[in-house]
Amino acid sequence: MRPIGTVLIVFGLAVGLYGFFMGTTVVSSDLGHVNNLGLMNDKQITLFIAGVLCIIGSIFLAAAHVSDSIQNTQTHQRPLYNRDVKPETTANAEQILLQKKYDKGEIPFEIYRSEWDRLRK
């Protein structure tokens, strides 16, 4: 999805530049350059299409980013250790707090494991 989104955005920007520099005047024999409503309409439609392409490309890029985030979250599961700790002693309460910090991602696994082993002794 990421390459499709990138291509759509680049193509939308190219179409937008083309539309931005489109001429909207015609040469009249006695009045010189005159604005042509048909050409102005073509320019407006071209710029509209360019905007839609950029928006769709942005949606594709955002969807790819969300998909990558979901996949990274699913593949990076934290191991579960001692979920059956009962808060009966101070050491058990510290273990629960340590487990909660680890579950939230506030501390890395190495520190979690060393502190867990310290509290179990």
N, C-alpha and C. Protein backbone atom coordinates (compact mmCIF):
# COMPACT_ATOMS: atom_id res chain seq x y z
N MET A 1 0.80 -1.19 0.00
CA MET A 1 0.00 0.00 0.00
C MET A 1 0.85 1.26 0.00
N ARG A 2 2.02 1.16 0.61
CA ARG A 2 2.89 2.33 0.68
C ARG A 2 3.35 2.78 -0.71
N PRO A 3 3.78 1.87 -1.60
CA PRO A 3 4.19 2.34 -2.94
C PRO A 3 3.02 2.93 -3.74
N ILE A 4 1.85 2.36 -3.59
CA ILE A 4 0.69 2.89 -4.31
C ILE A 4 0.38 4.30 -3.81
N GLY A 5 0.41 4.50 -2.51
CA GLY A 5 0.16 5.83 -1.95
C GLY A 5 1.18 6.85 -2.41
N THR A 6 2.44 6.44 -2.44
CA THR A 6 3.49 7.35 -2.89
C THR A 6 3.30 7.72 -4.35
N VAL A 7 2.99 6.73 -5.18
CA VAL A 7 2.77 7.00 -6.61
C VAL A 7 1.58 7.92 -6.79
N LEU A 8 0.50 7.70 -6.06
CA LEU A 8 -0.67 8.56 -6.18
C LEU A 8 -0.37 9.99 -5.77
N ILE A 9 0.39 10.17 -4.72
CA ILE A 9 0.74 11.52 -4.28
C ILE A 9 1.62 12.21 -5.31
N VAL A 10 2.63 11.51 -5.81
CA VAL A 10 3.52 12.11 -6.81
C VAL A 10 2.74 12.44 -8.08
N PHE A 11 1.90 11.53 -8.53
CA PHE A 11 1.09 11.77 -9.71
C PHE A 11 0.12 12.93 -9.47
N GLY A 12 -0.47 13.00 -8.29
CA GLY A 12 -1.36 14.10 -7.96
C GLY A 12 -0.65 15.44 -7.96
N LEU A 13 0.58 15.47 -7.44
CA LEU A 13 1.35 16.70 -7.46
C LEU A 13 1.71 17.11 -8.89
N ALA A 14 2.06 16.11 -9.72
CA ALA A 14 2.38 16.41 -11.12
C ALA A 14 1.15 16.96 -11.86
N VAL A 15 0.01 16.33 -11.66
CA VAL A 15 -1.23 16.81 -12.29
C VAL A 15 -1.58 18.19 -11.76
N GLY A 16 -1.35 18.42 -10.47
CA GLY A 16 -1.61 19.73 -9.88
C GLY A 16 -0.74 20.82 -10.48
N LEU A 17 0.54 20.52 -10.67
CA LEU A 17 1.42 21.50 -11.32
C LEU A 17 0.98 21.78 -12.75
N TYR A 18 0.62 20.72 -13.46
CA TYR A 18 0.13 20.91 -14.83
C TYR A 18 -1.12 21.78 -14.83
N GLY A 19 -2.06 21.47 -13.94
CA GLY A 19 -3.30 22.24 -13.87
C GLY A 19 -3.08 23.68 -13.44
N PHE A 20 -2.11 23.88 -12.55
CA PHE A 20 -1.85 25.23 -12.06
C PHE A 20 -1.34 26.14 -13.18
N PHE A 21 -0.57 25.58 -14.09
CA PHE A 21 0.02 26.39 -15.17
C PHE A 21 -0.77 26.30 -16.48
N MET A 22 -1.97 25.74 -16.44
CA MET A 22 -2.79 25.69 -17.65
C MET A 22 -3.22 27.10 -18.03
N GLY A 23 -3.21 27.37 -19.32
CA GLY A 23 -3.68 28.66 -19.80
C GLY A 23 -5.19 28.66 -19.89
N THR A 24 -5.79 29.77 -19.56
CA THR A 24 -7.26 29.86 -19.60
C THR A 24 -7.73 30.99 -20.51
N THR A 25 -6.83 31.49 -21.32
CA THR A 25 -7.23 32.57 -22.23
C THR A 25 -7.11 32.11 -23.67
N VAL A 26 -7.89 32.76 -24.52
CA VAL A 26 -7.80 32.55 -25.97
C VAL A 26 -7.60 33.91 -26.61
N VAL A 27 -7.05 33.89 -27.81
CA VAL A 27 -6.79 35.14 -28.52
C VAL A 27 -8.01 35.47 -29.37
N SER A 28 -8.48 36.67 -29.18
CA SER A 28 -9.61 37.16 -29.97
C SER A 28 -9.07 38.15 -31.00
N SER A 29 -9.74 38.24 -32.14
CA SER A 29 -9.24 39.09 -33.21
C SER A 29 -9.27 40.58 -32.84
N ASP A 30 -10.30 41.02 -32.14
CA ASP A 30 -10.38 42.44 -31.83
C ASP A 30 -10.19 42.77 -30.36
N LEU A 31 -10.21 41.80 -29.43
CA LEU A 31 -10.07 42.09 -28.00
C LEU A 31 -8.75 41.59 -27.40
N GLY A 32 -7.93 40.89 -28.12
CA GLY A 32 -6.69 40.35 -27.59
C GLY A 32 -6.95 39.06 -26.82
N HIS A 33 -6.34 38.93 -25.67
CA HIS A 33 -6.52 37.72 -24.84
C HIS A 33 -7.80 37.85 -24.03
N VAL A 34 -8.65 36.80 -24.13
CA VAL A 34 -9.94 36.79 -23.45
C VAL A 34 -10.04 35.52 -22.62
N ASN A 35 -10.55 35.64 -21.40
CA ASN A 35 -10.74 34.45 -20.56
C ASN A 35 -11.80 33.54 -21.17
N ASN A 36 -11.49 32.24 -21.18
CA ASN A 36 -12.40 31.25 -21.74
C ASN A 36 -12.97 30.43 -20.58
N LEU A 37 -14.28 30.44 -20.43
CA LEU A 37 -14.91 29.72 -19.33
C LEU A 37 -14.69 28.22 -19.42
N GLY A 38 -14.66 27.66 -20.61
CA GLY A 38 -14.41 26.23 -20.78
C GLY A 38 -13.01 25.84 -20.31
N LEU A 39 -12.01 26.67 -20.65
CA LEU A 39 -10.64 26.39 -20.21
C LEU A 39 -10.49 26.58 -18.69
N MET A 40 -11.20 27.56 -18.14
CA MET A 40 -11.16 27.75 -16.68
C MET A 40 -11.79 26.55 -15.98
N ASN A 41 -12.85 26.02 -16.56
CA ASN A 41 -13.50 24.84 -16.00
C ASN A 41 -12.56 23.63 -16.07
N ASP A 42 -11.87 23.48 -17.20
CA ASP A 42 -10.90 22.38 -17.33
C ASP A 42 -9.79 22.50 -16.28
N LYS A 43 -9.33 23.72 -16.05
CA LYS A 43 -8.29 23.94 -15.04
C LYS A 43 -8.82 23.57 -13.65
N GLN A 44 -10.04 23.97 -13.35
CA GLN A 44 -10.64 23.68 -12.06
C GLN A 44 -10.79 22.17 -11.86
N ILE A 45 -11.25 21.47 -12.87
CA ILE A 45 -11.42 20.02 -12.77
C ILE A 45 -10.07 19.33 -12.60
N THR A 46 -9.06 19.80 -13.34
CA THR A 46 -7.72 19.21 -13.23
C THR A 46 -7.16 19.39 -11.82
N LEU A 47 -7.31 20.58 -11.26
CA LEU A 47 -6.83 20.81 -9.89
C LEU A 47 -7.61 20.00 -8.87
N PHE A 48 -8.91 19.84 -9.10
CA PHE A 48 -9.72 19.01 -8.21
C PHE A 48 -9.26 17.56 -8.23
N ILE A 49 -9.03 17.03 -9.43
CA ILE A 49 -8.56 15.65 -9.57
C ILE A 49 -7.20 15.48 -8.90
N ALA A 50 -6.32 16.48 -9.06
CA ALA A 50 -5.00 16.42 -8.41
C ALA A 50 -5.15 16.36 -6.90
N GLY A 51 -6.06 17.16 -6.35
CA GLY A 51 -6.28 17.14 -4.90
C GLY A 51 -6.83 15.81 -4.42
N VAL A 52 -7.76 15.23 -5.19
CA VAL A 52 -8.33 13.93 -4.81
C VAL A 52 -7.24 12.85 -4.85
N LEU A 53 -6.38 12.89 -5.87
CA LEU A 53 -5.29 11.90 -5.95
C LEU A 53 -4.36 12.02 -4.75
N CYS A 54 -4.03 13.25 -4.36
CA CYS A 54 -3.16 13.43 -3.20
C CYS A 54 -3.83 12.95 -1.91
N ILE A 55 -5.11 13.22 -1.76
CA ILE A 55 -5.81 12.77 -0.56
C ILE A 55 -5.88 11.25 -0.50
N ILE A 56 -6.20 10.61 -1.63
CA ILE A 56 -6.26 9.14 -1.66
C ILE A 56 -4.88 8.55 -1.38
N GLY A 57 -3.83 9.16 -1.95
CA GLY A 57 -2.47 8.69 -1.68
C GLY A 57 -2.11 8.82 -0.22
N SER A 58 -2.53 9.91 0.41
CA SER A 58 -2.27 10.10 1.84
C SER A 58 -3.00 9.06 2.67
N ILE A 59 -4.22 8.72 2.27
CA ILE A 59 -4.97 7.69 2.98
C ILE A 59 -4.26 6.35 2.86
N PHE A 60 -3.76 6.03 1.66
CA PHE A 60 -3.03 4.77 1.48
C PHE A 60 -1.77 4.75 2.36
N LEU A 61 -1.03 5.87 2.41
CA LEU A 61 0.17 5.91 3.25
C LEU A 61 -0.17 5.77 4.73
N ALA A 62 -1.24 6.43 5.16
CA ALA A 62 -1.65 6.32 6.56
C ALA A 62 -2.08 4.89 6.89
N ALA A 63 -2.81 4.25 5.97
CA ALA A 63 -3.24 2.87 6.19
C ALA A 63 -2.03 1.94 6.27
N ALA A 64 -1.04 2.18 5.43
CA ALA A 64 0.18 1.35 5.47
C ALA A 64 0.91 1.55 6.80
N HIS A 65 0.95 2.79 7.27
CA HIS A 65 1.61 3.07 8.55
C HIS A 65 0.88 2.38 9.71
N VAL A 66 -0.43 2.46 9.71
CA VAL A 66 -1.22 1.81 10.76
C VAL A 66 -1.05 0.30 10.69
N SER A 67 -1.06 -0.25 9.48
CA SER A 67 -0.89 -1.69 9.31
C SER A 67 0.48 -2.14 9.83
N ASP A 68 1.53 -1.36 9.52
CA ASP A 68 2.86 -1.69 10.03
C ASP A 68 2.89 -1.63 11.55
N SER A 69 2.24 -0.64 12.13
CA SER A 69 2.22 -0.51 13.59
C SER A 69 1.51 -1.69 14.23
N ILE A 70 0.40 -2.11 13.64
CA ILE A 70 -0.33 -3.25 14.17
C ILE A 70 0.50 -4.52 14.08
N GLN A 71 1.17 -4.71 12.95
CA GLN A 71 2.00 -5.91 12.79
C GLN A 71 3.16 -5.90 13.77
N ASN A 72 3.78 -4.73 14.00
CA ASN A 72 4.88 -4.66 14.95
C ASN A 72 4.40 -4.93 16.36
N THR A 73 3.21 -4.46 16.68
CA THR A 73 2.66 -4.70 18.02
C THR A 73 2.35 -6.18 18.22
N GLN A 74 1.83 -6.82 17.19
CA GLN A 74 1.47 -8.23 17.32
C GLN A 74 2.70 -9.13 17.37
N THR A 75 3.76 -8.77 16.68
CA THR A 75 4.95 -9.61 16.68
C THR A 75 5.85 -9.34 17.87
N HIS A 76 5.66 -8.23 18.55
CA HIS A 76 6.51 -7.89 19.69
C HIS A 76 5.71 -8.05 20.99
N GLN A 77 5.34 -9.27 21.28
CA GLN A 77 4.58 -9.55 22.49
C GLN A 77 5.54 -9.71 23.67
N ARG A 78 5.16 -9.18 24.77
CA ARG A 78 5.98 -9.31 25.97
C ARG A 78 5.69 -10.67 26.63
N PRO A 79 6.72 -11.32 27.13
CA PRO A 79 6.49 -12.60 27.81
C PRO A 79 5.76 -12.37 29.13
N LEU A 80 4.95 -13.31 29.49
CA LEU A 80 4.19 -13.20 30.73
C LEU A 80 4.90 -13.99 31.83
N TYR A 81 5.13 -13.33 32.93
CA TYR A 81 5.79 -13.97 34.06
C TYR A 81 4.94 -13.81 35.31
N ASN A 82 4.67 -14.88 35.95
CA ASN A 82 4.06 -14.89 37.28
C ASN A 82 2.84 -13.99 37.40
N ARG A 83 1.81 -14.29 36.64
CA ARG A 83 0.58 -13.50 36.72
C ARG A 83 -0.23 -13.85 37.97
N ASP A 84 0.18 -14.90 38.68
CA ASP A 84 -0.58 -15.34 39.84
C ASP A 84 -0.03 -14.78 41.15
N VAL A 85 0.63 -13.63 41.11
CA VAL A 85 1.19 -13.03 42.32
C VAL A 85 0.05 -12.43 43.14
N LYS A 86 0.02 -12.74 44.42
CA LYS A 86 -1.03 -12.23 45.30
C LYS A 86 -0.46 -11.09 46.15
N PRO A 87 -1.17 -9.99 46.27
CA PRO A 87 -0.64 -8.84 47.02
C PRO A 87 -0.78 -9.00 48.53
N GLU A 88 -0.12 -10.01 49.09
CA GLU A 88 -0.24 -10.26 50.53
C GLU A 88 0.95 -9.69 51.30
N THR A 89 2.06 -9.53 50.65
CA THR A 89 3.22 -9.00 51.34
C THR A 89 3.75 -7.80 50.58
N THR A 90 4.69 -7.11 51.21
CA THR A 90 5.30 -5.94 50.56
C THR A 90 6.05 -6.36 49.31
N ALA A 91 6.74 -7.48 49.37
CA ALA A 91 7.48 -7.96 48.20
C ALA A 91 6.53 -8.26 47.05
N ASN A 92 5.37 -8.86 47.38
CA ASN A 92 4.39 -9.15 46.32
C ASN A 92 3.82 -7.86 45.73
N ALA A 93 3.61 -6.85 46.57
CA ALA A 93 3.11 -5.56 46.06
C ALA A 93 4.14 -4.93 45.14
N GLU A 94 5.42 -5.03 45.52
CA GLU A 94 6.47 -4.51 44.65
C GLU A 94 6.53 -5.29 43.35
N GLN A 95 6.30 -6.60 43.42
CA GLN A 95 6.28 -7.41 42.21
C GLN A 95 5.14 -6.98 41.29
N ILE A 96 4.00 -6.68 41.86
CA ILE A 96 2.86 -6.26 41.05
C ILE A 96 3.15 -4.92 40.38
N LEU A 97 3.72 -3.97 41.14
CA LEU A 97 4.07 -2.68 40.56
C LEU A 97 5.11 -2.84 39.46
N LEU A 98 6.08 -3.71 39.69
CA LEU A 98 7.10 -3.98 38.68
C LEU A 98 6.46 -4.58 37.43
N GLN A 99 5.54 -5.50 37.61
CA GLN A 99 4.86 -6.13 36.48
C GLN A 99 4.05 -5.08 35.70
N LYS A 100 3.37 -4.18 36.40
CA LYS A 100 2.58 -3.15 35.72
C LYS A 100 3.48 -2.21 34.93
N LYS A 101 4.62 -1.83 35.50
CA LYS A 101 5.55 -0.97 34.77
C LYS A 101 6.06 -1.67 33.51
N TYR A 102 6.35 -2.95 33.62
CA TYR A 102 6.84 -3.71 32.48
C TYR A 102 5.75 -3.83 31.42
N ASP A 103 4.51 -4.09 31.83
CA ASP A 103 3.41 -4.23 30.89
C ASP A 103 3.16 -2.93 30.13
N LYS A 104 3.35 -1.80 30.78
CA LYS A 104 3.16 -0.51 30.12
C LYS A 104 4.34 -0.13 29.24
N GLY A 105 5.44 -0.86 29.35
CA GLY A 105 6.62 -0.58 28.55
C GLY A 105 7.51 0.49 29.16
N GLU A 106 7.35 0.76 30.46
CA GLU A 106 8.14 1.79 31.12
C GLU A 106 9.56 1.32 31.43
N ILE A 107 9.75 0.01 31.56
CA ILE A 107 11.09 -0.52 31.85
C ILE A 107 11.39 -1.64 30.86
N PRO A 108 12.67 -1.78 30.48
CA PRO A 108 13.03 -2.86 29.56
C PRO A 108 13.06 -4.21 30.26
N PHE A 109 13.10 -5.27 29.45
CA PHE A 109 13.01 -6.62 29.97
C PHE A 109 14.18 -6.96 30.89
N GLU A 110 15.39 -6.49 30.57
CA GLU A 110 16.57 -6.85 31.38
C GLU A 110 16.42 -6.32 32.82
N ILE A 111 15.99 -5.07 32.94
CA ILE A 111 15.81 -4.50 34.27
C ILE A 111 14.66 -5.20 34.98
N TYR A 112 13.58 -5.45 34.25
CA TYR A 112 12.44 -6.15 34.83
C TYR A 112 12.87 -7.50 35.39
N ARG A 113 13.62 -8.26 34.62
CA ARG A 113 14.01 -9.62 35.03
C ARG A 113 14.94 -9.58 36.25
N SER A 114 15.91 -8.63 36.24
CA SER A 114 16.84 -8.57 37.38
C SER A 114 16.11 -8.14 38.65
N GLU A 115 15.19 -7.16 38.54
CA GLU A 115 14.43 -6.74 39.71
C GLU A 115 13.50 -7.84 40.20
N TRP A 116 12.92 -8.57 39.26
CA TRP A 116 12.03 -9.67 39.63
C TRP A 116 12.79 -10.73 40.41
N ASP A 117 13.98 -11.07 39.93
CA ASP A 117 14.80 -12.07 40.63
C ASP A 117 15.20 -11.55 42.00
N ARG A 118 15.50 -10.25 42.12
CA ARG A 118 15.89 -9.66 43.42
C ARG A 118 14.72 -9.76 44.40
N LEU A 119 13.51 -9.47 43.93
CA LEU A 119 12.35 -9.51 44.83
C LEU A 119 11.96 -10.92 45.24
N ARG A 120 12.25 -11.90 44.42
CA ARG A 120 11.89 -13.29 44.74
C ARG A 120 12.79 -13.88 45.81
N LYS A 121 13.97 -13.30 46.02
CA LYS A 121 14.91 -13.87 47.00
C LYS A 121 14.56 -13.47 48.41
